[in-house]
């Protein structure tokens, strides 16, 4: 065998190896979108940014705490919200099946996180104040 055939064989084996590796990765890859309707949310991006600005105003900013011992998440507003309350969305970027949604009519929310897996969570709050949408987003670790 001459050196030309050896180079061709090495390239063929390399391409076969790479194709096998790509096939294995694609077969076992888990792709979770953060939200199902991501296109619609991207179209409304400007509205979301205005809501986040409104939510960061000092008089509307919520307080969030997580007690490690009791595994309880507490969200409250220092000023009383109007009667419509607020929505709370807890999501994990690693697994969308573990997302949690809550709706409250008052100005505080207490959630037991005993069943929730340990790790990084993103909490999104949205409410309406003075006829304008407001939102807040933060990261918590459980």
C-alpha atoms as a PDB file:
ATOM      1  CA  UNK A   1       0.000   0.000   0.000  1.00  0.00           C
ATOM      2  CA  UNK A   2       1.340   3.436  -0.867  1.00  0.00           C
ATOM      3  CA  UNK A   3       0.995   6.618   1.192  1.00  0.00           C
ATOM      4  CA  UNK A   4      -1.895   8.000  -0.971  1.00  0.00           C
ATOM      5  CA  UNK A   5      -4.187   5.086  -0.047  1.00  0.00           C
ATOM      6  CA  UNK A   6      -3.264   5.519   3.619  1.00  0.00           C
ATOM      7  CA  UNK A   7      -4.282   9.187   3.578  1.00  0.00           C
ATOM      8  CA  UNK A   8      -7.589   8.334   1.896  1.00  0.00           C
ATOM      9  CA  UNK A   9      -8.300   5.575   4.439  1.00  0.00           C
ATOM     10  CA  UNK A  10      -7.541   7.906   7.369  1.00  0.00           C
ATOM     11  CA  UNK A  11      -9.887  10.554   5.937  1.00  0.00           C
ATOM     12  CA  UNK A  12     -12.656   7.994   5.333  1.00  0.00           C
ATOM     13  CA  UNK A  13     -12.371   6.653   8.889  1.00  0.00           C
ATOM     14  CA  UNK A  14     -12.288  10.208  10.286  1.00  0.00           C
ATOM     15  CA  UNK A  15     -15.445  11.220   8.362  1.00  0.00           C
ATOM     16  CA  UNK A  16     -17.213   8.012   9.466  1.00  0.00           C
ATOM     17  CA  UNK A  17     -16.197   8.651  13.091  1.00  0.00           C
ATOM     18  CA  UNK A  18     -17.414  12.287  12.969  1.00  0.00           C
ATOM     19  CA  UNK A  19     -20.728  11.278  11.352  1.00  0.00           C
ATOM     20  CA  UNK A  20     -21.251   8.676  14.100  1.00  0.00           C
ATOM     21  CA  UNK A  21     -20.523  11.220  16.834  1.00  0.00           C
ATOM     22  CA  UNK A  22     -22.909  13.788  15.305  1.00  0.00           C
ATOM     23  CA  UNK A  23     -25.611  11.113  15.055  1.00  0.00           C
ATOM     24  CA  UNK A  24     -25.189  10.154  18.712  1.00  0.00           C
ATOM     25  CA  UNK A  25     -25.299  13.778  19.907  1.00  0.00           C
ATOM     26  CA  UNK A  26     -28.388  14.609  17.834  1.00  0.00           C
ATOM     27  CA  UNK A  27     -30.163  11.446  19.019  1.00  0.00           C
ATOM     28  CA  UNK A  28     -29.570  12.238  22.718  1.00  0.00           C
ATOM     29  CA  UNK A  29     -29.900  16.025  22.604  1.00  0.00           C
ATOM     30  CA  UNK A  30     -32.760  17.492  24.608  1.00  0.00           C
ATOM     31  CA  UNK A  31     -33.925  20.839  23.309  1.00  0.00           C
ATOM     32  CA  UNK A  32     -36.224  22.810  25.612  1.00  0.00           C
ATOM     33  CA  UNK A  33     -37.478  26.183  24.551  1.00  0.00           C
ATOM     34  CA  UNK A  34     -37.909  28.637  27.398  1.00  0.00           C
ATOM     35  CA  UNK A  35     -41.410  29.317  26.064  1.00  0.00           C
ATOM     36  CA  UNK A  36     -43.424  27.697  23.309  1.00  0.00           C
ATOM     37  CA  UNK A  37     -44.543  30.953  21.697  1.00  0.00           C
ATOM     38  CA  UNK A  38     -41.116  32.593  21.561  1.00  0.00           C
ATOM     39  CA  UNK A  39     -41.835  34.376  18.258  1.00  0.00           C
ATOM     40  CA  UNK A  40     -44.878  36.159  19.702  1.00  0.00           C
ATOM     41  CA  UNK A  41     -42.872  37.202  22.751  1.00  0.00           C
ATOM     42  CA  UNK A  42     -40.055  38.556  20.591  1.00  0.00           C
ATOM     43  CA  UNK A  43     -42.565  40.696  18.709  1.00  0.00           C
ATOM     44  CA  UNK A  44     -43.731  42.130  22.052  1.00  0.00           C
ATOM     45  CA  UNK A  45     -40.171  42.710  23.329  1.00  0.00           C
ATOM     46  CA  UNK A  46     -40.577  46.499  23.569  1.00  0.00           C
ATOM     47  CA  UNK A  47     -43.695  46.107  25.719  1.00  0.00           C
ATOM     48  CA  UNK A  48     -41.832  43.702  28.013  1.00  0.00           C
ATOM     49  CA  UNK A  49     -38.958  46.170  28.452  1.00  0.00           C
ATOM     50  CA  UNK A  50     -41.392  48.968  29.346  1.00  0.00           C
ATOM     51  CA  UNK A  51     -43.086  46.659  31.872  1.00  0.00           C
ATOM     52  CA  UNK A  52     -39.703  45.831  33.432  1.00  0.00           C
ATOM     53  CA  UNK A  53     -38.860  49.554  33.683  1.00  0.00           C
ATOM     54  CA  UNK A  54     -42.223  50.203  35.331  1.00  0.00           C
ATOM     55  CA  UNK A  55     -41.624  47.293  37.735  1.00  0.00           C
ATOM     56  CA  UNK A  56     -38.225  48.612  38.813  1.00  0.00           C
ATOM     57  CA  UNK A  57     -39.651  51.862  40.103  1.00  0.00           C
ATOM     58  CA  UNK A  58     -38.970  51.965  43.824  1.00  0.00           C
ATOM     59  CA  UNK A  59     -42.599  52.211  44.891  1.00  0.00           C
ATOM     60  CA  UNK A  60     -43.586  49.091  42.914  1.00  0.00           C
ATOM     61  CA  UNK A  61     -40.531  46.879  43.366  1.00  0.00           C
ATOM     62  CA  UNK A  62     -41.329  43.515  45.009  1.00  0.00           C
ATOM     63  CA  UNK A  63     -39.291  41.815  47.710  1.00  0.00           C
ATOM     64  CA  UNK A  64     -38.316  38.167  47.214  1.00  0.00           C
ATOM     65  CA  UNK A  65     -36.803  35.827  49.784  1.00  0.00           C
ATOM     66  CA  UNK A  66     -36.168  32.112  49.981  1.00  0.00           C
ATOM     67  CA  UNK A  67     -35.772  30.355  53.339  1.00  0.00           C
ATOM     68  CA  UNK A  68     -33.436  27.363  52.903  1.00  0.00           C
ATOM     69  CA  UNK A  69     -34.571  25.665  56.126  1.00  0.00           C
ATOM     70  CA  UNK A  70     -38.309  25.674  55.423  1.00  0.00           C
ATOM     71  CA  UNK A  71     -37.804  25.722  51.608  1.00  0.00           C
ATOM     72  CA  UNK A  72     -40.390  28.485  51.333  1.00  0.00           C
ATOM     73  CA  UNK A  73     -40.381  31.208  48.711  1.00  0.00           C
ATOM     74  CA  UNK A  74     -41.957  34.507  49.749  1.00  0.00           C
ATOM     75  CA  UNK A  75     -42.861  37.357  47.420  1.00  0.00           C
ATOM     76  CA  UNK A  76     -44.442  40.559  48.698  1.00  0.00           C
ATOM     77  CA  UNK A  77     -44.951  44.171  47.763  1.00  0.00           C
ATOM     78  CA  UNK A  78     -44.384  46.887  50.347  1.00  0.00           C
ATOM     79  CA  UNK A  79     -47.228  48.967  48.923  1.00  0.00           C
ATOM     80  CA  UNK A  80     -50.584  47.307  48.584  1.00  0.00           C
ATOM     81  CA  UNK A  81     -51.369  46.435  45.011  1.00  0.00           C
ATOM     82  CA  UNK A  82     -54.823  47.018  43.644  1.00  0.00           C
ATOM     83  CA  UNK A  83     -57.231  44.102  43.973  1.00  0.00           C
ATOM     84  CA  UNK A  84     -56.111  42.427  40.750  1.00  0.00           C
ATOM     85  CA  UNK A  85     -52.996  40.940  42.436  1.00  0.00           C
ATOM     86  CA  UNK A  86     -50.083  39.574  40.397  1.00  0.00           C
ATOM     87  CA  UNK A  87     -48.857  36.563  38.424  1.00  0.00           C
ATOM     88  CA  UNK A  88     -45.760  34.588  39.365  1.00  0.00           C
ATOM     89  CA  UNK A  89     -43.903  32.358  36.909  1.00  0.00           C
ATOM     90  CA  UNK A  90     -41.018  30.235  38.168  1.00  0.00           C
ATOM     91  CA  UNK A  91     -39.091  28.545  35.415  1.00  0.00           C
ATOM     92  CA  UNK A  92     -35.960  26.505  34.944  1.00  0.00           C
ATOM     93  CA  UNK A  93     -33.971  26.867  31.769  1.00  0.00           C
ATOM     94  CA  UNK A  94     -32.780  23.272  32.114  1.00  0.00           C
ATOM     95  CA  UNK A  95     -36.246  21.648  32.078  1.00  0.00           C
ATOM     96  CA  UNK A  96     -39.465  23.362  31.049  1.00  0.00           C
ATOM     97  CA  UNK A  97     -41.563  20.541  32.570  1.00  0.00           C
ATOM     98  CA  UNK A  98     -40.645  21.824  36.042  1.00  0.00           C
ATOM     99  CA  UNK A  99     -42.057  25.331  35.473  1.00  0.00           C
ATOM    100  CA  UNK A 100     -44.503  26.618  38.103  1.00  0.00           C
ATOM    101  CA  UNK A 101     -47.270  29.224  37.690  1.00  0.00           C
ATOM    102  CA  UNK A 102     -49.106  31.040  40.456  1.00  0.00           C
ATOM    103  CA  UNK A 103     -51.777  33.745  40.567  1.00  0.00           C
ATOM    104  CA  UNK A 104     -52.569  35.701  43.697  1.00  0.00           C
ATOM    105  CA  UNK A 105     -55.166  38.344  44.427  1.00  0.00           C
ATOM    106  CA  UNK A 106     -53.298  40.023  47.280  1.00  0.00           C
ATOM    107  CA  UNK A 107     -49.943  41.706  47.660  1.00  0.00           C
ATOM    108  CA  UNK A 108     -48.001  38.655  48.868  1.00  0.00           C
ATOM    109  CA  UNK A 109     -47.365  35.050  47.884  1.00  0.00           C
ATOM    110  CA  UNK A 110     -45.860  32.206  49.910  1.00  0.00           C
ATOM    111  CA  UNK A 111     -44.952  28.990  48.079  1.00  0.00           C
ATOM    112  CA  UNK A 112     -43.574  25.768  49.523  1.00  0.00           C
ATOM    113  CA  UNK A 113     -40.733  24.557  47.289  1.00  0.00           C
ATOM    114  CA  UNK A 114     -40.376  21.138  48.963  1.00  0.00           C
ATOM    115  CA  UNK A 115     -41.165  19.286  45.732  1.00  0.00           C
ATOM    116  CA  UNK A 116     -39.100  21.595  43.535  1.00  0.00           C
ATOM    117  CA  UNK A 117     -35.684  20.364  42.393  1.00  0.00           C
ATOM    118  CA  UNK A 118     -32.572  22.057  43.693  1.00  0.00           C
ATOM    119  CA  UNK A 119     -30.876  24.465  41.307  1.00  0.00           C
ATOM    120  CA  UNK A 120     -31.154  27.796  39.512  1.00  0.00           C
ATOM    121  CA  UNK A 121     -34.644  29.239  38.970  1.00  0.00           C
ATOM    122  CA  UNK A 122     -35.838  32.408  37.284  1.00  0.00           C
ATOM    123  CA  UNK A 123     -38.807  34.153  38.835  1.00  0.00           C
ATOM    124  CA  UNK A 124     -40.937  36.463  36.712  1.00  0.00           C
ATOM    125  CA  UNK A 125     -43.655  38.610  38.234  1.00  0.00           C
ATOM    126  CA  UNK A 126     -46.168  40.669  36.308  1.00  0.00           C
ATOM    127  CA  UNK A 127     -48.964  42.937  37.453  1.00  0.00           C
ATOM    128  CA  UNK A 128     -50.750  46.090  36.460  1.00  0.00           C
ATOM    129  CA  UNK A 129     -50.433  49.411  38.225  1.00  0.00           C
ATOM    130  CA  UNK A 130     -52.173  52.648  37.280  1.00  0.00           C
ATOM    131  CA  UNK A 131     -53.324  51.072  34.022  1.00  0.00           C
ATOM    132  CA  UNK A 132     -49.787  50.168  32.940  1.00  0.00           C
ATOM    133  CA  UNK A 133     -48.209  46.735  32.770  1.00  0.00           C
ATOM    134  CA  UNK A 134     -45.355  46.176  35.215  1.00  0.00           C
ATOM    135  CA  UNK A 135     -42.975  43.255  35.547  1.00  0.00           C
ATOM    136  CA  UNK A 136     -40.003  42.076  37.566  1.00  0.00           C
ATOM    137  CA  UNK A 137     -37.485  39.296  36.935  1.00  0.00           C
ATOM    138  CA  UNK A 138     -34.866  37.796  39.217  1.00  0.00           C
ATOM    139  CA  UNK A 139     -32.728  34.687  39.653  1.00  0.00           C
ATOM    140  CA  UNK A 140     -32.978  32.525  42.766  1.00  0.00           C
ATOM    141  CA  UNK A 141     -31.128  29.401  43.834  1.00  0.00           C
ATOM    142  CA  UNK A 142     -32.938  26.649  45.675  1.00  0.00           C
END
